[in-house]
């Protein structure tokens, strides 16, 4: 299988619009609002197997020792490194369905035998340990889930995630949990129950990209046992070698002032959550769970065709959403809450007009 993500190609070439409801993260945090000076930056620095100041800040924020943290170029690279480090010939990787497309693309590119388990629309895409257990085989060596779920935003509590770990442990399988959308809980001032620490079978990935509006820093990470971290450092020597040092310095500044970044993010998400839930309550042509702690939603269109809706939105209303076909759920579309409130309000009004057309 060639290395390619149909979703990422669409996101880079077709998702931009005046009223962009397709962007998966928070509206970009402006550099001018970060207390940093040009003298705080440098082009090249002591970044070999981790930039020590960044390594220390990530470990402190995540509550782990530094040897359990592998910085990565965003969550996608973090996920790729985990899969590449753990996959052996003949291994089977069990991935939720629907899910974020590049997770399946990466596993396929690595020649894993990809098997799926369902997260059902009629159950609001909850993570069901029984569905995982039923899909396991003697060759399953990795279980891959997202929490909050991408694309629906469904949240799996600690007891559910712990049970997935027990299933993995009994089969000798690792559990990869992409927690990039779990950062929304921290933004909202709620406990952020990471899977890391629930058992040695768990490997966790995340970043500052989605919940904070810091996408351009590409500050991602893997949390894993020290042996696996060392293995991934070696793999990264074949691909990333060393990160862009100015981005590392800016990531340190962002982590030092993360409360400032989070205050802005919280204002946006709280206002947008109320707006989008009011919109969903007003629609009889959509089936969707109310957004409580996440920052994305995945409505099912009850009348009409999603591809037609997406085309009408783009061509006639200067608005975009993500068609569900990119997540193997063509009757749905993903809608993001991270844009500025005035953009979301007007975009939803235009979405309502397009729905009436259907």
Foldseek 3Di string as FASTA:
>chain_A
DDQDAPQVVCVVPPQDFPQRQADQAAAADDPVLFPDDPVLFDFDDPFFQHDVLLLVLVCVVVVHDSLQKHKDLAQLRVLLLLLLLQDDPPAEEEEEALAQQSNVSSCVVSVHNYHYFYQDVVNLREQDLVSVLVRDDLRHAEYEAEACGPPARNHYDPVSLLSNVVSNVVSNHAYEYEDAQLVLCVLQVHDRDDPPPSDQSYKYKYACPHQQNHNVLSTIIIGHPSVSSVSSSVVCCVPVRGDRRRSSSVSSSCSVVVVSSSVVSNVQQVLLLVLVQVLVVPDPQWDWDRNDRGFKHKIFGNDDFQVQLQVCCVPPPRYHWAACVSSVPRRITMGGRNYGPVSSNSNSVSSVVSSVVD
